[in-house]
Amino acid sequence: MATTNHISTKWLGNMAFESNNPSGHSIKIDIAKEDGGDSSGLRPKALMLSSLAGCSGLDVASLIKKMKLDVDEFHIETIANLTDEHPRYYDTVTIEYHFHGKNLEEKKLQRAVDLSIEKYCGVMEMFRRFSELEIKTIFHNK
């Protein structure tokens, strides 16, 4: 059976919106002051990059736990290029997975990243439909 997500997004006035989530939490969305907003919330396109990093990050974190890997810190940097013409969209996206630690098992961590990218992350698959993706895995051995 197909899963359906239903999100309600309410206008708060000026250029701000509040959008709910099946988790029960809400986020505020707004645009920059120079574009007519109040800069009081998250920007819609940038939020897509957070969704991409969050989706893949959850996969990798789950695999780190399952594989019992020793990682002191893990973060993802997502750098995207917006097209010049309207409607503007991300045509290229670089996703950098950064792992910090003393005993990093690089092959296993790379496997976790690869599984997320190739098999598990649905947001990654959505991005593939409109963007060229560049994936980098960077190990910071202490």
N, C-alpha and C. Protein backbone atom coordinates (compact mmCIF):
# COMPACT_ATOMS: atom_id res chain seq x y z
N MET A 1 0.83 -1.19 0.00
CA MET A 1 0.00 0.00 0.00
C MET A 1 0.88 1.26 0.00
N ALA A 2 0.52 2.25 -0.77
CA ALA A 2 1.29 3.48 -0.86
C ALA A 2 1.14 4.32 0.41
N THR A 3 2.22 4.98 0.76
CA THR A 3 2.20 5.90 1.90
C THR A 3 1.93 7.30 1.39
N THR A 4 1.07 8.01 2.06
CA THR A 4 0.75 9.39 1.68
C THR A 4 1.12 10.30 2.83
N ASN A 5 1.84 11.38 2.52
CA ASN A 5 2.09 12.42 3.52
C ASN A 5 1.18 13.59 3.21
N HIS A 6 0.58 14.15 4.24
CA HIS A 6 -0.29 15.32 4.10
C HIS A 6 0.30 16.40 4.99
N ILE A 7 0.71 17.50 4.38
CA ILE A 7 1.30 18.63 5.10
C ILE A 7 0.38 19.83 4.94
N SER A 8 0.10 20.54 6.03
CA SER A 8 -0.68 21.78 5.96
C SER A 8 0.28 22.95 6.16
N THR A 9 0.17 23.94 5.28
CA THR A 9 1.03 25.11 5.33
C THR A 9 0.14 26.34 5.37
N LYS A 10 0.30 27.13 6.45
CA LYS A 10 -0.59 28.25 6.71
C LYS A 10 0.15 29.57 6.56
N TRP A 11 -0.47 30.51 5.84
CA TRP A 11 0.09 31.85 5.69
C TRP A 11 -0.03 32.59 7.01
N LEU A 12 1.08 33.17 7.46
CA LEU A 12 1.11 33.92 8.72
C LEU A 12 1.06 35.43 8.51
N GLY A 13 0.98 35.86 7.26
CA GLY A 13 1.03 37.29 6.95
C GLY A 13 2.34 37.63 6.28
N ASN A 14 2.37 38.76 5.59
CA ASN A 14 3.50 39.18 4.77
C ASN A 14 3.96 38.02 3.91
N MET A 15 5.19 37.52 4.09
CA MET A 15 5.70 36.43 3.26
C MET A 15 6.01 35.18 4.09
N ALA A 16 5.49 35.10 5.30
CA ALA A 16 5.81 33.98 6.21
C ALA A 16 4.71 32.91 6.19
N PHE A 17 5.16 31.67 6.35
CA PHE A 17 4.25 30.53 6.42
C PHE A 17 4.70 29.61 7.55
N GLU A 18 3.75 28.86 8.10
CA GLU A 18 4.08 27.80 9.05
C GLU A 18 3.60 26.49 8.42
N SER A 19 4.51 25.50 8.42
CA SER A 19 4.20 24.22 7.80
C SER A 19 4.34 23.12 8.85
N ASN A 20 3.33 22.26 8.94
CA ASN A 20 3.39 21.18 9.92
C ASN A 20 4.12 19.97 9.33
N ASN A 21 4.27 18.95 10.13
CA ASN A 21 5.01 17.76 9.75
C ASN A 21 4.35 16.57 10.45
N PRO A 22 4.37 15.38 9.83
CA PRO A 22 3.79 14.21 10.50
C PRO A 22 4.39 13.93 11.88
N SER A 23 5.59 14.47 12.16
CA SER A 23 6.21 14.28 13.47
C SER A 23 5.48 15.04 14.57
N GLY A 24 4.62 16.00 14.19
CA GLY A 24 3.94 16.84 15.17
C GLY A 24 4.65 18.17 15.36
N HIS A 25 5.81 18.35 14.74
CA HIS A 25 6.54 19.61 14.83
C HIS A 25 6.20 20.48 13.63
N SER A 26 6.45 21.78 13.76
CA SER A 26 6.21 22.72 12.67
C SER A 26 7.46 23.52 12.40
N ILE A 27 7.55 24.06 11.18
CA ILE A 27 8.64 24.97 10.85
C ILE A 27 8.05 26.24 10.27
N LYS A 28 8.82 27.31 10.41
CA LYS A 28 8.42 28.59 9.83
C LYS A 28 9.25 28.80 8.57
N ILE A 29 8.59 29.23 7.52
CA ILE A 29 9.23 29.49 6.23
C ILE A 29 9.05 30.97 5.91
N ASP A 30 10.12 31.61 5.45
CA ASP A 30 10.07 33.03 5.10
C ASP A 30 11.17 33.30 4.08
N ILE A 31 11.16 34.50 3.54
CA ILE A 31 12.21 34.90 2.61
C ILE A 31 12.98 36.09 3.17
N ALA A 32 14.07 36.44 2.50
CA ALA A 32 14.95 37.51 2.95
C ALA A 32 14.24 38.87 2.91
N LYS A 33 14.71 39.77 3.76
CA LYS A 33 14.15 41.13 3.80
C LYS A 33 14.27 41.82 2.44
N GLU A 34 15.42 41.60 1.76
CA GLU A 34 15.63 42.24 0.45
C GLU A 34 14.66 41.71 -0.61
N ASP A 35 14.01 40.58 -0.33
CA ASP A 35 13.03 40.01 -1.26
C ASP A 35 11.59 40.28 -0.79
N GLY A 36 11.44 41.06 0.27
CA GLY A 36 10.10 41.43 0.74
C GLY A 36 9.62 40.69 1.96
N GLY A 37 10.43 39.77 2.49
CA GLY A 37 10.03 39.03 3.69
C GLY A 37 10.60 39.68 4.95
N ASP A 38 10.54 38.95 6.05
CA ASP A 38 11.08 39.42 7.33
C ASP A 38 12.28 38.59 7.76
N SER A 39 12.67 37.63 6.95
CA SER A 39 13.79 36.74 7.27
C SER A 39 13.59 36.05 8.62
N SER A 40 12.32 35.66 8.89
CA SER A 40 11.98 35.10 10.20
C SER A 40 11.84 33.58 10.17
N GLY A 41 12.20 32.97 9.04
CA GLY A 41 12.05 31.52 8.95
C GLY A 41 13.05 30.94 7.98
N LEU A 42 12.89 29.65 7.74
CA LEU A 42 13.79 28.94 6.83
C LEU A 42 13.39 29.20 5.38
N ARG A 43 14.39 29.26 4.50
CA ARG A 43 14.14 29.50 3.08
C ARG A 43 13.76 28.18 2.40
N PRO A 44 12.76 28.19 1.54
CA PRO A 44 12.26 26.95 0.94
C PRO A 44 13.32 26.13 0.19
N LYS A 45 14.09 26.76 -0.67
CA LYS A 45 15.06 25.98 -1.45
C LYS A 45 16.16 25.42 -0.55
N ALA A 46 16.65 26.23 0.39
CA ALA A 46 17.69 25.76 1.32
C ALA A 46 17.17 24.62 2.18
N LEU A 47 15.88 24.66 2.51
CA LEU A 47 15.25 23.60 3.29
C LEU A 47 15.33 22.26 2.55
N MET A 48 15.27 22.31 1.23
CA MET A 48 15.43 21.09 0.43
C MET A 48 16.81 20.47 0.67
N LEU A 49 17.84 21.31 0.80
CA LEU A 49 19.19 20.80 1.04
C LEU A 49 19.29 20.19 2.44
N SER A 50 18.61 20.80 3.41
CA SER A 50 18.57 20.22 4.76
C SER A 50 17.87 18.87 4.73
N SER A 51 16.81 18.75 3.94
CA SER A 51 16.10 17.48 3.81
C SER A 51 17.00 16.42 3.20
N LEU A 52 17.77 16.81 2.19
CA LEU A 52 18.69 15.88 1.54
C LEU A 52 19.74 15.39 2.54
N ALA A 53 20.39 16.32 3.24
CA ALA A 53 21.42 15.94 4.21
C ALA A 53 20.83 15.15 5.37
N GLY A 54 19.66 15.56 5.83
CA GLY A 54 19.02 14.87 6.95
C GLY A 54 18.63 13.44 6.60
N CYS A 55 18.08 13.25 5.41
CA CYS A 55 17.66 11.92 4.97
C CYS A 55 18.87 10.99 4.88
N SER A 56 19.90 11.43 4.20
CA SER A 56 21.10 10.60 4.05
C SER A 56 21.82 10.44 5.38
N GLY A 57 21.87 11.50 6.17
CA GLY A 57 22.52 11.43 7.48
C GLY A 57 21.88 10.41 8.40
N LEU A 58 20.55 10.32 8.36
CA LEU A 58 19.85 9.32 9.17
C LEU A 58 20.23 7.91 8.75
N ASP A 59 20.34 7.70 7.44
CA ASP A 59 20.78 6.38 6.94
C ASP A 59 22.17 6.04 7.48
N VAL A 60 23.09 6.99 7.32
CA VAL A 60 24.49 6.75 7.73
C VAL A 60 24.58 6.55 9.24
N ALA A 61 23.87 7.37 10.01
CA ALA A 61 23.89 7.22 11.48
C ALA A 61 23.37 5.86 11.89
N SER A 62 22.31 5.40 11.24
CA SER A 62 21.75 4.08 11.53
C SER A 62 22.78 2.99 11.24
N LEU A 63 23.48 3.12 10.12
CA LEU A 63 24.50 2.12 9.76
C LEU A 63 25.72 2.19 10.68
N ILE A 64 26.08 3.39 11.13
CA ILE A 64 27.17 3.53 12.10
C ILE A 64 26.82 2.74 13.37
N LYS A 65 25.56 2.87 13.82
CA LYS A 65 25.10 2.13 15.01
C LYS A 65 25.12 0.63 14.76
N LYS A 66 24.54 0.20 13.62
CA LYS A 66 24.47 -1.23 13.30
C LYS A 66 25.84 -1.87 13.18
N MET A 67 26.78 -1.14 12.56
CA MET A 67 28.13 -1.67 12.35
C MET A 67 29.03 -1.45 13.57
N LYS A 68 28.48 -0.77 14.60
CA LYS A 68 29.23 -0.48 15.83
C LYS A 68 30.57 0.22 15.52
N LEU A 69 30.48 1.26 14.69
CA LEU A 69 31.67 2.00 14.29
C LEU A 69 31.96 3.12 15.28
N ASP A 70 33.23 3.41 15.47
CA ASP A 70 33.69 4.43 16.41
C ASP A 70 33.89 5.75 15.65
N VAL A 71 32.92 6.66 15.79
CA VAL A 71 32.98 7.97 15.13
C VAL A 71 32.74 9.04 16.19
N ASP A 72 33.70 9.97 16.33
CA ASP A 72 33.56 11.05 17.32
C ASP A 72 32.58 12.12 16.84
N GLU A 73 32.67 12.45 15.55
CA GLU A 73 31.82 13.50 14.99
C GLU A 73 31.53 13.17 13.53
N PHE A 74 30.32 13.49 13.10
CA PHE A 74 29.90 13.27 11.72
C PHE A 74 29.05 14.45 11.31
N HIS A 75 29.41 15.11 10.22
CA HIS A 75 28.56 16.17 9.69
C HIS A 75 28.58 16.15 8.16
N ILE A 76 27.56 16.76 7.60
CA ILE A 76 27.39 16.78 6.14
C ILE A 76 27.33 18.24 5.69
N GLU A 77 28.16 18.56 4.70
CA GLU A 77 28.13 19.88 4.08
C GLU A 77 27.46 19.71 2.72
N THR A 78 26.46 20.53 2.44
CA THR A 78 25.72 20.45 1.18
C THR A 78 25.83 21.79 0.47
N ILE A 79 26.46 21.79 -0.71
CA ILE A 79 26.72 23.02 -1.46
C ILE A 79 26.03 22.89 -2.81
N ALA A 80 25.10 23.81 -3.10
CA ALA A 80 24.30 23.68 -4.31
C ALA A 80 24.36 24.94 -5.15
N ASN A 81 24.30 24.76 -6.46
CA ASN A 81 24.30 25.87 -7.40
C ASN A 81 22.88 26.07 -7.95
N LEU A 82 22.39 27.31 -7.81
CA LEU A 82 21.08 27.66 -8.36
C LEU A 82 21.25 28.16 -9.79
N THR A 83 20.34 27.76 -10.66
CA THR A 83 20.37 28.26 -12.03
C THR A 83 20.06 29.76 -12.03
N ASP A 84 20.44 30.45 -13.11
CA ASP A 84 20.19 31.89 -13.23
C ASP A 84 18.77 32.18 -13.69
N GLU A 85 18.25 31.32 -14.57
CA GLU A 85 16.93 31.58 -15.15
C GLU A 85 15.82 31.04 -14.24
N HIS A 86 14.66 31.65 -14.35
CA HIS A 86 13.49 31.23 -13.58
C HIS A 86 12.72 30.16 -14.33
N PRO A 87 12.11 29.19 -13.68
CA PRO A 87 12.21 28.97 -12.23
C PRO A 87 13.60 28.47 -11.85
N ARG A 88 14.19 29.10 -10.84
CA ARG A 88 15.54 28.73 -10.41
C ARG A 88 15.50 27.42 -9.63
N TYR A 89 16.44 26.54 -9.92
CA TYR A 89 16.52 25.25 -9.23
C TYR A 89 17.98 24.86 -9.09
N TYR A 90 18.24 23.86 -8.28
CA TYR A 90 19.61 23.38 -8.07
C TYR A 90 19.99 22.45 -9.21
N ASP A 91 20.94 22.88 -10.05
CA ASP A 91 21.35 22.02 -11.15
C ASP A 91 22.55 21.15 -10.78
N THR A 92 23.36 21.59 -9.83
CA THR A 92 24.46 20.76 -9.32
C THR A 92 24.47 20.85 -7.79
N VAL A 93 24.73 19.72 -7.15
CA VAL A 93 24.78 19.65 -5.69
C VAL A 93 25.99 18.81 -5.28
N THR A 94 26.82 19.37 -4.41
CA THR A 94 27.94 18.63 -3.83
C THR A 94 27.56 18.27 -2.40
N ILE A 95 27.71 17.00 -2.06
CA ILE A 95 27.41 16.52 -0.71
C ILE A 95 28.70 15.95 -0.13
N GLU A 96 29.17 16.57 0.94
CA GLU A 96 30.41 16.14 1.59
C GLU A 96 30.07 15.49 2.93
N TYR A 97 30.50 14.25 3.10
CA TYR A 97 30.33 13.53 4.36
C TYR A 97 31.65 13.62 5.11
N HIS A 98 31.63 14.24 6.28
CA HIS A 98 32.85 14.41 7.08
C HIS A 98 32.77 13.53 8.33
N PHE A 99 33.78 12.69 8.49
CA PHE A 99 33.87 11.81 9.67
C PHE A 99 35.13 12.17 10.44
N HIS A 100 34.99 12.33 11.75
CA HIS A 100 36.11 12.65 12.63
C HIS A 100 36.26 11.53 13.66
N GLY A 101 37.49 11.15 13.96
CA GLY A 101 37.71 10.15 15.00
C GLY A 101 39.13 9.61 14.99
N LYS A 102 39.43 8.83 16.02
CA LYS A 102 40.77 8.23 16.17
C LYS A 102 40.86 6.88 15.45
N ASN A 103 39.75 6.14 15.45
CA ASN A 103 39.76 4.78 14.89
C ASN A 103 38.73 4.63 13.78
N LEU A 104 38.81 5.51 12.80
CA LEU A 104 37.83 5.47 11.71
C LEU A 104 38.07 4.26 10.81
N GLU A 105 37.04 3.46 10.65
CA GLU A 105 37.11 2.32 9.72
C GLU A 105 36.59 2.83 8.37
N GLU A 106 37.53 3.36 7.59
CA GLU A 106 37.17 4.09 6.37
C GLU A 106 36.36 3.27 5.38
N LYS A 107 36.71 2.00 5.19
CA LYS A 107 35.99 1.16 4.22
C LYS A 107 34.53 0.97 4.64
N LYS A 108 34.31 0.73 5.92
CA LYS A 108 32.94 0.52 6.42
C LYS A 108 32.13 1.82 6.37
N LEU A 109 32.77 2.93 6.72
CA LEU A 109 32.08 4.21 6.66
C LEU A 109 31.72 4.57 5.22
N GLN A 110 32.64 4.29 4.30
CA GLN A 110 32.35 4.55 2.89
C GLN A 110 31.20 3.67 2.41
N ARG A 111 31.14 2.45 2.90
CA ARG A 111 30.05 1.53 2.57
C ARG A 111 28.72 2.09 3.07
N ALA A 112 28.72 2.67 4.26
CA ALA A 112 27.51 3.27 4.82
C ALA A 112 27.04 4.43 3.94
N VAL A 113 27.97 5.27 3.52
CA VAL A 113 27.63 6.39 2.64
C VAL A 113 27.08 5.86 1.32
N ASP A 114 27.76 4.88 0.74
CA ASP A 114 27.34 4.32 -0.54
C ASP A 114 25.94 3.70 -0.46
N LEU A 115 25.65 2.99 0.62
CA LEU A 115 24.31 2.40 0.79
C LEU A 115 23.23 3.47 0.84
N SER A 116 23.51 4.56 1.55
CA SER A 116 22.55 5.66 1.62
C SER A 116 22.31 6.25 0.23
N ILE A 117 23.40 6.54 -0.47
CA ILE A 117 23.31 7.20 -1.77
C ILE A 117 22.63 6.31 -2.81
N GLU A 118 22.99 5.02 -2.82
CA GLU A 118 22.55 4.13 -3.89
C GLU A 118 21.24 3.40 -3.59
N LYS A 119 20.93 3.22 -2.31
CA LYS A 119 19.82 2.32 -1.99
C LYS A 119 18.73 2.92 -1.09
N TYR A 120 19.11 3.65 -0.06
CA TYR A 120 18.14 4.00 0.98
C TYR A 120 17.52 5.39 0.91
N CYS A 121 18.28 6.40 0.51
CA CYS A 121 17.81 7.79 0.66
C CYS A 121 16.88 8.21 -0.48
N GLY A 122 15.60 8.31 -0.16
CA GLY A 122 14.61 8.71 -1.15
C GLY A 122 14.76 10.15 -1.59
N VAL A 123 15.19 11.02 -0.70
CA VAL A 123 15.39 12.42 -1.07
C VAL A 123 16.53 12.52 -2.09
N MET A 124 17.57 11.70 -1.91
CA MET A 124 18.68 11.65 -2.86
C MET A 124 18.15 11.25 -4.25
N GLU A 125 17.27 10.28 -4.27
CA GLU A 125 16.69 9.82 -5.54
C GLU A 125 15.88 10.94 -6.19
N MET A 126 15.14 11.71 -5.39
CA MET A 126 14.38 12.83 -5.93
C MET A 126 15.32 13.87 -6.55
N PHE A 127 16.41 14.19 -5.84
CA PHE A 127 17.37 15.17 -6.34
C PHE A 127 18.00 14.70 -7.66
N ARG A 128 18.22 13.41 -7.79
CA ARG A 128 18.81 12.87 -9.02
C ARG A 128 17.99 13.22 -10.25
N ARG A 129 16.69 13.45 -10.06
CA ARG A 129 15.79 13.74 -11.18
C ARG A 129 16.05 15.11 -11.79
N PHE A 130 16.68 16.02 -11.03
CA PHE A 130 16.89 17.37 -11.57
C PHE A 130 18.28 17.94 -11.35
N SER A 131 19.14 17.22 -10.63
CA SER A 131 20.47 17.74 -10.31
C SER A 131 21.57 16.75 -10.65
N GLU A 132 22.74 17.30 -10.92
CA GLU A 132 23.95 16.48 -11.01
C GLU A 132 24.54 16.46 -9.61
N LEU A 133 24.75 15.26 -9.06
CA LEU A 133 25.24 15.12 -7.69
C LEU A 133 26.71 14.75 -7.69
N GLU A 134 27.47 15.41 -6.81
CA GLU A 134 28.86 15.05 -6.58
C GLU A 134 28.98 14.67 -5.11
N ILE A 135 29.47 13.47 -4.84
CA ILE A 135 29.58 12.95 -3.48
C ILE A 135 31.04 12.90 -3.08
N LYS A 136 31.35 13.41 -1.89
CA LYS A 136 32.72 13.36 -1.37
C LYS A 136 32.65 12.82 0.05
N THR A 137 33.55 11.91 0.38
CA THR A 137 33.66 11.41 1.75
C THR A 137 35.04 11.83 2.26
N ILE A 138 35.07 12.53 3.39
CA ILE A 138 36.31 13.08 3.93
C ILE A 138 36.51 12.54 5.34
N PHE A 139 37.67 11.93 5.55
CA PHE A 139 38.00 11.35 6.85
C PHE A 139 39.01 12.24 7.56
N HIS A 140 38.66 12.63 8.79
CA HIS A 140 39.52 13.47 9.62
C HIS A 140 40.02 12.59 10.76
N ASN A 141 41.16 11.94 10.54
CA ASN A 141 41.72 11.06 11.57
C ASN A 141 42.49 11.88 12.59
N LYS A 142 42.15 11.66 13.87
CA LYS A 142 42.80 12.42 14.95
C LYS A 142 44.07 11.74 15.41
